[in-house]
Amino acid sequence: MLQKSFKLEPHDVYNAIKQKYGDSLGDYDVLVSALCTMINTQQKIAAVNQQKFNQFAAQAQKRIAELEAQLKDKS
């Protein structure tokens, strides 16, 4: 479900939550919908940042291996 929500725009997440749970949330329907939308947006950002970090870490590890190989060849 979380992966599917990543494909939605924030206003679509908000509307889906408000429509599904709005009646049971009473006076807090807007607040809860907005908070859930914000959490979803932050999770998307975190996932993108994690992916970028993983790519950077892989590049760094590759470069470290290259430098170690160069040092070994010079020995």
N, C-alpha and C. Protein backbone atom coordinates (compact mmCIF):
# COMPACT_ATOMS: atom_id res chain seq x y z
N MET A 1 0.82 -1.19 0.00
CA MET A 1 0.00 0.00 0.00
C MET A 1 0.86 1.25 0.00
N LEU A 2 1.96 1.22 0.77
CA LEU A 2 2.85 2.38 0.84
C LEU A 2 3.46 2.67 -0.52
N GLN A 3 3.91 1.63 -1.23
CA GLN A 3 4.51 1.83 -2.54
C GLN A 3 3.50 2.43 -3.52
N LYS A 4 2.25 2.02 -3.42
CA LYS A 4 1.22 2.58 -4.29
C LYS A 4 0.99 4.05 -3.97
N SER A 5 1.04 4.40 -2.69
CA SER A 5 0.82 5.80 -2.33
C SER A 5 1.96 6.69 -2.80
N PHE A 6 3.15 6.13 -3.01
CA PHE A 6 4.27 6.91 -3.51
C PHE A 6 4.00 7.41 -4.93
N LYS A 7 3.17 6.70 -5.65
CA LYS A 7 2.87 7.08 -7.03
C LYS A 7 1.81 8.18 -7.12
N LEU A 8 1.15 8.45 -6.01
CA LEU A 8 0.08 9.44 -6.00
C LEU A 8 0.62 10.83 -5.69
N GLU A 9 -0.05 11.82 -6.20
CA GLU A 9 0.26 13.21 -5.86
C GLU A 9 -0.27 13.48 -4.45
N PRO A 10 0.34 14.43 -3.74
CA PRO A 10 -0.11 14.73 -2.37
C PRO A 10 -1.60 15.03 -2.26
N HIS A 11 -2.15 15.78 -3.21
CA HIS A 11 -3.58 16.10 -3.11
C HIS A 11 -4.45 14.86 -3.28
N ASP A 12 -3.95 13.88 -4.04
CA ASP A 12 -4.70 12.63 -4.20
C ASP A 12 -4.68 11.81 -2.90
N VAL A 13 -3.52 11.80 -2.22
CA VAL A 13 -3.42 11.11 -0.93
C VAL A 13 -4.37 11.76 0.06
N TYR A 14 -4.32 13.08 0.13
CA TYR A 14 -5.18 13.84 1.04
C TYR A 14 -6.65 13.52 0.78
N ASN A 15 -7.06 13.61 -0.48
CA ASN A 15 -8.47 13.37 -0.82
C ASN A 15 -8.90 11.94 -0.51
N ALA A 16 -8.02 10.99 -0.76
CA ALA A 16 -8.36 9.59 -0.49
C ALA A 16 -8.57 9.36 1.01
N ILE A 17 -7.70 9.92 1.83
CA ILE A 17 -7.83 9.75 3.29
C ILE A 17 -9.07 10.47 3.79
N LYS A 18 -9.27 11.68 3.31
CA LYS A 18 -10.42 12.47 3.77
C LYS A 18 -11.74 11.79 3.38
N GLN A 19 -11.80 11.28 2.16
CA GLN A 19 -13.03 10.61 1.72
C GLN A 19 -13.27 9.32 2.49
N LYS A 20 -12.21 8.54 2.70
CA LYS A 20 -12.36 7.23 3.35
C LYS A 20 -12.65 7.36 4.84
N TYR A 21 -11.95 8.28 5.52
CA TYR A 21 -12.04 8.34 6.98
C TYR A 21 -12.61 9.65 7.51
N GLY A 22 -12.94 10.57 6.63
CA GLY A 22 -13.39 11.89 7.04
C GLY A 22 -14.54 11.89 8.02
N ASP A 23 -15.55 11.07 7.78
CA ASP A 23 -16.72 11.04 8.67
C ASP A 23 -16.36 10.55 10.07
N SER A 24 -15.48 9.57 10.14
CA SER A 24 -15.13 9.02 11.46
C SER A 24 -14.14 9.89 12.22
N LEU A 25 -13.51 10.85 11.53
CA LEU A 25 -12.54 11.72 12.19
C LEU A 25 -13.17 13.00 12.74
N GLY A 26 -14.39 13.26 12.35
CA GLY A 26 -15.11 14.42 12.87
C GLY A 26 -14.40 15.73 12.61
N ASP A 27 -14.19 16.51 13.67
CA ASP A 27 -13.56 17.83 13.53
C ASP A 27 -12.11 17.76 13.08
N TYR A 28 -11.51 16.59 13.17
CA TYR A 28 -10.09 16.45 12.84
C TYR A 28 -9.85 15.89 11.45
N ASP A 29 -10.88 15.82 10.63
CA ASP A 29 -10.73 15.22 9.31
C ASP A 29 -9.69 15.93 8.45
N VAL A 30 -9.67 17.24 8.48
CA VAL A 30 -8.69 17.99 7.69
C VAL A 30 -7.29 17.82 8.27
N LEU A 31 -7.18 17.92 9.57
CA LEU A 31 -5.88 17.81 10.24
C LEU A 31 -5.25 16.44 10.00
N VAL A 32 -5.99 15.39 10.25
CA VAL A 32 -5.45 14.04 10.10
C VAL A 32 -5.09 13.77 8.64
N SER A 33 -5.94 14.19 7.73
CA SER A 33 -5.65 13.99 6.30
C SER A 33 -4.39 14.73 5.90
N ALA A 34 -4.24 15.96 6.38
CA ALA A 34 -3.05 16.76 6.06
C ALA A 34 -1.80 16.13 6.68
N LEU A 35 -1.89 15.67 7.92
CA LEU A 35 -0.74 15.04 8.57
C LEU A 35 -0.33 13.75 7.86
N CYS A 36 -1.29 12.95 7.49
CA CYS A 36 -0.97 11.70 6.77
C CYS A 36 -0.34 12.00 5.42
N THR A 37 -0.82 13.04 4.76
CA THR A 37 -0.24 13.45 3.48
C THR A 37 1.20 13.90 3.67
N MET A 38 1.44 14.67 4.72
CA MET A 38 2.80 15.14 5.00
C MET A 38 3.73 13.97 5.33
N ILE A 39 3.26 13.02 6.09
CA ILE A 39 4.06 11.84 6.41
C ILE A 39 4.40 11.07 5.14
N ASN A 40 3.42 10.92 4.27
CA ASN A 40 3.63 10.23 3.01
C ASN A 40 4.68 10.94 2.17
N THR A 41 4.60 12.26 2.12
CA THR A 41 5.58 13.05 1.36
C THR A 41 6.97 12.89 1.95
N GLN A 42 7.08 12.92 3.27
CA GLN A 42 8.38 12.75 3.92
C GLN A 42 8.95 11.35 3.67
N GLN A 43 8.09 10.34 3.62
CA GLN A 43 8.56 8.98 3.34
C GLN A 43 9.08 8.88 1.90
N LYS A 44 8.42 9.57 0.98
CA LYS A 44 8.91 9.60 -0.40
C LYS A 44 10.30 10.23 -0.46
N ILE A 45 10.45 11.35 0.22
CA ILE A 45 11.74 12.05 0.23
C ILE A 45 12.81 11.15 0.85
N ALA A 46 12.48 10.49 1.94
CA ALA A 46 13.43 9.59 2.60
C ALA A 46 13.83 8.44 1.68
N ALA A 47 12.89 7.90 0.95
CA ALA A 47 13.19 6.79 0.03
C ALA A 47 14.12 7.25 -1.09
N VAL A 48 13.86 8.43 -1.63
CA VAL A 48 14.73 8.97 -2.68
C VAL A 48 16.13 9.23 -2.13
N ASN A 49 16.20 9.81 -0.94
CA ASN A 49 17.50 10.08 -0.32
C ASN A 49 18.26 8.79 -0.03
N GLN A 50 17.55 7.76 0.41
CA GLN A 50 18.19 6.47 0.67
C GLN A 50 18.75 5.89 -0.62
N GLN A 51 18.00 5.99 -1.69
CA GLN A 51 18.45 5.49 -2.98
C GLN A 51 19.71 6.25 -3.44
N LYS A 52 19.69 7.57 -3.30
CA LYS A 52 20.86 8.37 -3.68
C LYS A 52 22.07 8.01 -2.82
N PHE A 53 21.84 7.83 -1.53
CA PHE A 53 22.93 7.45 -0.64
C PHE A 53 23.51 6.10 -1.04
N ASN A 54 22.65 5.14 -1.33
CA ASN A 54 23.13 3.81 -1.74
C ASN A 54 23.97 3.90 -3.01
N GLN A 55 23.54 4.74 -3.95
CA GLN A 55 24.32 4.91 -5.18
C GLN A 55 25.67 5.54 -4.88
N PHE A 56 25.67 6.56 -4.03
CA PHE A 56 26.92 7.20 -3.64
C PHE A 56 27.84 6.21 -2.93
N ALA A 57 27.30 5.43 -2.02
CA ALA A 57 28.10 4.46 -1.28
C ALA A 57 28.71 3.43 -2.23
N ALA A 58 27.94 3.00 -3.21
CA ALA A 58 28.46 2.03 -4.18
C ALA A 58 29.59 2.65 -5.01
N GLN A 59 29.42 3.90 -5.41
CA GLN A 59 30.48 4.59 -6.17
C GLN A 59 31.72 4.77 -5.30
N ALA A 60 31.52 5.14 -4.06
CA ALA A 60 32.65 5.33 -3.15
C ALA A 60 33.39 4.01 -2.93
N GLN A 61 32.66 2.94 -2.75
CA GLN A 61 33.28 1.63 -2.54
C GLN A 61 34.07 1.20 -3.78
N LYS A 62 33.51 1.48 -4.94
CA LYS A 62 34.22 1.16 -6.18
C LYS A 62 35.51 1.96 -6.28
N ARG A 63 35.45 3.23 -5.96
CA ARG A 63 36.65 4.09 -6.02
C ARG A 63 37.70 3.63 -5.00
N ILE A 64 37.26 3.26 -3.82
CA ILE A 64 38.18 2.76 -2.79
C ILE A 64 38.88 1.50 -3.30
N ALA A 65 38.13 0.61 -3.93
CA ALA A 65 38.73 -0.62 -4.47
C ALA A 65 39.75 -0.28 -5.56
N GLU A 66 39.45 0.72 -6.39
CA GLU A 66 40.39 1.13 -7.43
C GLU A 66 41.68 1.68 -6.82
N LEU A 67 41.54 2.51 -5.81
CA LEU A 67 42.70 3.10 -5.16
C LEU A 67 43.53 2.04 -4.44
N GLU A 68 42.87 1.09 -3.81
CA GLU A 68 43.59 0.00 -3.15
C GLU A 68 44.36 -0.83 -4.16
N ALA A 69 43.75 -1.05 -5.31
CA ALA A 69 44.42 -1.82 -6.37
C ALA A 69 45.63 -1.05 -6.88
N GLN A 70 45.52 0.26 -7.02
CA GLN A 70 46.66 1.08 -7.45
C GLN A 70 47.79 1.00 -6.43
N LEU A 71 47.47 1.08 -5.17
CA LEU A 71 48.49 0.98 -4.12
C LEU A 71 49.17 -0.37 -4.14
N LYS A 72 48.38 -1.41 -4.37
CA LYS A 72 48.92 -2.78 -4.39
C LYS A 72 49.88 -2.94 -5.56
N ASP A 73 49.51 -2.36 -6.71
CA ASP A 73 50.35 -2.45 -7.90
C ASP A 73 51.68 -1.72 -7.71
N LYS A 74 51.67 -0.66 -6.94
CA LYS A 74 52.89 0.13 -6.70
C LYS A 74 53.82 -0.53 -5.70
N SER A 75 53.29 -1.46 -4.94
CA SER A 75 54.10 -2.11 -3.90
C SER A 75 55.04 -3.14 -4.45
